[in-house]
Protein backbone atom coordinates (compact mmCIF):
# COMPACT_ATOMS: atom_id res chain seq x y z
CA MET A 1 -30.13 124.28 50.24
CA ASN A 2 -26.39 124.67 49.90
CA GLY A 3 -24.88 122.74 47.01
CA VAL A 4 -21.43 121.92 45.69
CA VAL A 5 -21.10 121.28 41.95
CA LEU A 6 -18.34 119.13 40.49
CA ILE A 7 -17.33 119.64 36.86
CA SER A 8 -14.66 118.69 34.34
CA GLY A 9 -15.50 120.68 31.23
CA ASN A 10 -17.67 123.28 29.57
CA GLY A 11 -20.18 123.49 32.40
CA SER A 12 -23.39 124.00 30.43
CA ASN A 13 -25.39 122.03 33.00
CA LEU A 14 -23.74 124.11 35.70
CA GLN A 15 -24.91 127.22 33.85
CA SER A 16 -28.47 125.95 33.70
CA LEU A 17 -28.38 125.44 37.47
CA ILE A 18 -26.90 128.89 38.04
CA ASN A 19 -29.56 130.49 35.85
CA LYS A 20 -32.37 128.80 37.75
CA SER A 21 -30.80 128.70 41.21
CA ASN A 22 -33.32 131.07 42.80
CA SER A 23 -36.36 129.26 41.45
CA ILE A 24 -35.03 125.84 42.46
CA ASP A 25 -34.00 126.86 45.99
CA LEU A 26 -30.33 126.12 45.38
CA ASN A 27 -27.38 128.11 46.68
CA ILE A 28 -24.27 126.94 44.83
CA SER A 29 -21.61 127.56 47.45
CA CYS A 30 -18.70 126.33 45.35
CA VAL A 31 -17.68 124.69 42.09
CA ILE A 32 -14.83 122.19 41.98
CA SER A 33 -13.10 120.99 38.82
CA ASN A 34 -10.52 118.27 38.30
CA VAL A 35 -9.47 120.01 35.06
CA PRO A 36 -7.77 123.40 35.50
CA SER A 37 -8.78 124.59 32.02
CA ALA A 38 -12.48 123.72 32.41
CA PHE A 39 -14.61 126.59 31.09
CA GLY A 40 -17.15 125.89 33.82
CA LEU A 41 -14.74 127.51 36.28
CA GLU A 42 -15.07 130.78 34.37
CA ARG A 43 -18.86 130.44 34.44
CA SER A 44 -18.83 130.11 38.23
CA THR A 45 -16.34 132.95 38.71
CA ARG A 46 -18.55 135.24 36.62
CA SER A 47 -21.42 134.41 38.96
CA GLY A 48 -19.40 135.12 42.10
CA ILE A 49 -19.20 131.48 43.15
CA ASP A 50 -16.13 130.09 44.93
CA THR A 51 -14.04 127.88 42.66
CA HIS A 52 -11.48 125.20 43.38
CA THR A 53 -9.25 123.17 41.09
CA LEU A 54 -8.07 119.73 42.10
CA ASN A 55 -6.05 118.37 39.20
CA HIS A 56 -6.35 114.58 39.25
CA LYS A 57 -3.03 114.32 37.40
CA ASP A 58 -1.29 115.50 40.56
CA TYR A 59 -2.44 112.41 42.46
CA THR A 60 -1.11 108.87 42.35
CA SER A 61 -4.32 107.26 43.63
CA ARG A 62 -8.06 107.80 43.49
CA HIS A 63 -8.17 107.38 47.24
CA THR A 64 -5.88 110.36 47.87
CA PHE A 65 -7.70 112.49 45.30
CA ASP A 66 -11.08 111.71 46.83
CA ASN A 67 -9.82 112.45 50.34
CA ASN A 68 -8.67 115.90 49.25
CA LEU A 69 -11.92 116.42 47.36
CA SER A 70 -13.84 115.58 50.54
CA GLU A 71 -11.81 118.09 52.53
CA ILE A 72 -12.85 120.89 50.18
CA ILE A 73 -16.48 119.78 50.04
CA ASN A 74 -16.77 119.50 53.82
CA LYS A 75 -15.68 123.12 54.27
CA TYR A 76 -18.95 124.15 52.63
CA ASN A 77 -21.14 121.65 54.51
CA PRO A 78 -23.39 121.06 51.47
CA ASP A 79 -26.86 119.57 51.57
CA ILE A 80 -26.39 118.27 48.04
CA ILE A 81 -23.45 117.41 45.76
CA ILE A 82 -24.18 117.76 42.05
CA LEU A 83 -22.04 116.10 39.40
CA ALA A 84 -22.36 118.13 36.22
CA GLY A 85 -20.06 116.55 33.67
CA PHE A 86 -17.58 115.41 36.32
CA MET A 87 -15.44 112.87 34.49
CA ARG A 88 -13.97 110.99 37.43
CA ILE A 89 -14.83 107.61 38.88
CA LEU A 90 -15.40 108.17 42.58
CA THR A 91 -14.24 105.61 45.13
CA GLU A 92 -16.65 103.48 47.11
CA GLU A 93 -15.51 105.20 50.30
CA PHE A 94 -16.40 108.62 48.87
CA THR A 95 -19.83 107.60 47.56
CA LYS A 96 -20.77 105.94 50.84
CA LYS A 97 -19.69 109.00 52.81
CA TYR A 98 -22.23 111.14 50.94
CA PHE A 99 -24.82 108.44 50.23
CA GLY A 100 -28.16 109.91 49.24
CA LYS A 101 -26.70 113.39 48.71
CA ILE A 102 -24.96 113.00 45.32
CA LEU A 103 -26.78 113.43 42.00
CA ASN A 104 -25.40 112.74 38.54
CA ILE A 105 -26.68 113.31 35.01
CA HIS A 106 -25.78 110.84 32.27
CA PRO A 107 -26.41 111.18 28.52
CA SER A 108 -28.17 107.87 27.90
CA LEU A 109 -31.23 105.93 28.95
CA LEU A 110 -29.61 104.02 31.78
CA PRO A 111 -28.93 101.20 32.32
CA LYS A 112 -28.11 101.28 28.61
CA PHE A 113 -24.79 102.78 27.51
CA GLN A 114 -23.04 103.39 30.78
CA GLY A 115 -19.66 105.11 30.52
CA LEU A 116 -18.34 107.24 27.67
CA ASP A 117 -19.15 107.91 24.00
CA THR A 118 -22.85 107.25 24.51
CA HIS A 119 -24.09 109.06 21.40
CA GLN A 120 -21.79 107.22 19.00
CA ARG A 121 -22.62 103.92 20.65
CA VAL A 122 -26.34 104.62 20.24
CA ILE A 123 -25.81 105.24 16.52
CA GLU A 124 -23.76 102.08 16.10
CA ALA A 125 -26.36 100.03 17.97
CA LYS A 126 -29.09 101.40 15.65
CA GLU A 127 -31.22 102.44 18.61
CA LYS A 128 -34.55 104.14 17.92
CA LYS A 129 -34.65 105.94 21.27
CA HIS A 130 -32.03 107.82 23.23
CA GLY A 131 -32.07 110.30 26.06
CA VAL A 132 -30.77 111.38 29.44
CA SER A 133 -30.94 110.01 32.98
CA VAL A 134 -30.55 111.61 36.39
CA HIS A 135 -29.62 109.22 39.18
CA PHE A 136 -28.28 109.03 42.69
CA VAL A 137 -24.58 108.19 42.79
CA THR A 138 -23.42 104.95 44.39
CA GLU A 139 -20.21 102.96 44.12
CA HIS A 140 -21.50 101.45 40.86
CA LEU A 141 -20.43 103.45 37.77
CA ASP A 142 -23.55 105.07 36.27
CA GLY A 143 -25.45 102.39 38.16
CA GLY A 144 -27.10 104.24 41.02
CA PRO A 145 -30.90 104.35 41.42
CA ILE A 146 -32.53 106.24 38.56
CA ILE A 147 -34.62 109.29 39.48
CA ALA A 148 -35.86 110.59 36.12
CA GLN A 149 -35.30 110.24 32.38
CA ARG A 150 -36.16 112.10 29.20
CA VAL A 151 -36.46 110.31 25.87
CA ILE A 152 -35.73 111.56 22.36
CA ASP A 153 -36.20 109.88 19.00
CA VAL A 154 -33.15 108.82 17.03
CA LEU A 155 -33.76 109.85 13.43
CA PRO A 156 -32.12 108.25 10.36
CA SER A 157 -30.38 111.58 9.72
CA ASP A 158 -28.84 111.75 13.22
CA ASP A 159 -25.17 111.35 13.98
CA ALA A 160 -23.33 111.51 17.30
CA GLU A 161 -23.05 115.31 17.12
CA SER A 162 -26.74 115.93 16.43
CA LEU A 163 -27.76 113.50 19.17
CA ALA A 164 -25.46 115.24 21.63
CA LYS A 165 -27.12 118.59 20.89
CA LYS A 166 -30.63 117.21 21.27
CA VAL A 167 -29.82 115.38 24.49
CA LEU A 168 -28.15 118.47 25.96
CA ILE A 169 -31.37 120.46 25.51
CA GLU A 170 -33.17 117.86 27.60
CA GLU A 171 -30.36 117.81 30.18
CA HIS A 172 -30.78 121.53 30.80
CA LYS A 173 -34.48 120.97 31.49
CA ILE A 174 -34.41 117.83 33.59
CA TYR A 175 -31.48 118.54 35.91
CA PRO A 176 -32.81 121.74 37.50
CA GLU A 177 -36.21 120.05 37.89
CA VAL A 178 -34.75 117.06 39.75
CA VAL A 179 -32.52 119.28 41.87
CA GLN A 180 -35.60 121.22 42.94
CA TRP A 181 -37.30 117.99 43.97
CA TYR A 182 -34.33 117.43 46.27
CA THR A 183 -33.99 120.98 47.62
CA SER A 184 -37.72 121.13 48.39
CA GLY A 185 -37.48 117.92 50.42
CA ARG A 186 -39.57 115.88 48.00
CA LEU A 187 -36.78 113.59 46.80
CA LYS A 188 -34.97 111.08 49.03
CA LEU A 189 -33.01 107.86 48.77
CA ASP A 190 -34.08 105.19 51.24
CA ASN A 191 -31.51 102.38 51.03
CA ASP A 192 -31.65 101.88 47.25
CA ILE A 193 -35.26 103.03 46.79
CA VAL A 194 -35.89 106.47 45.26
CA LEU A 195 -38.79 108.22 46.97
CA LEU A 196 -40.61 111.23 45.53
CA ASP A 197 -43.22 112.65 47.88
CA ASN A 198 -42.62 109.56 50.03
CA LYS A 199 -43.67 107.24 47.19
CA PRO A 200 -41.30 104.95 45.27
CA ILE A 201 -40.60 106.13 41.75
């Protein structure tokens, strides 16, 4: 399947998808960043993937930004849109346009700790478990139907930095796996019900 990946930063999850693209039946046709200096753009260029920069600071409204983002995406006619550290809140109009085709990865055990600074918030809340979630994107911030999660233990010695490193290891495992479920036709979103092999998860 053809995929478009949206990024804002380092692009380590993008790299994990690039590295495994053949084995997960994914052709990354382009990478789009809202941050011109994002290192993920260099990763995609090195791999011969089309890159586009759409600086959100150049736009006065989310609506206009998302319309221009859609124009770029539609040129590639993707089967799947993958958010890999894309730090923008997408409008309801955008998410409904691509309903069931957008995946996101979030560094927490959703629905806990939606939004930013998840690792520090986990420490402050004295949580014993932490992890990562992959979900379909809807108009609700980090609130779309959950597809899969990985759990790690929070140790007394952990801080936000150590948790981030441990969670990132799990991110690089789980995201390609879930993407392959989608590209192989096993994963679908029926209304708000996630189906894997035609069975609700």
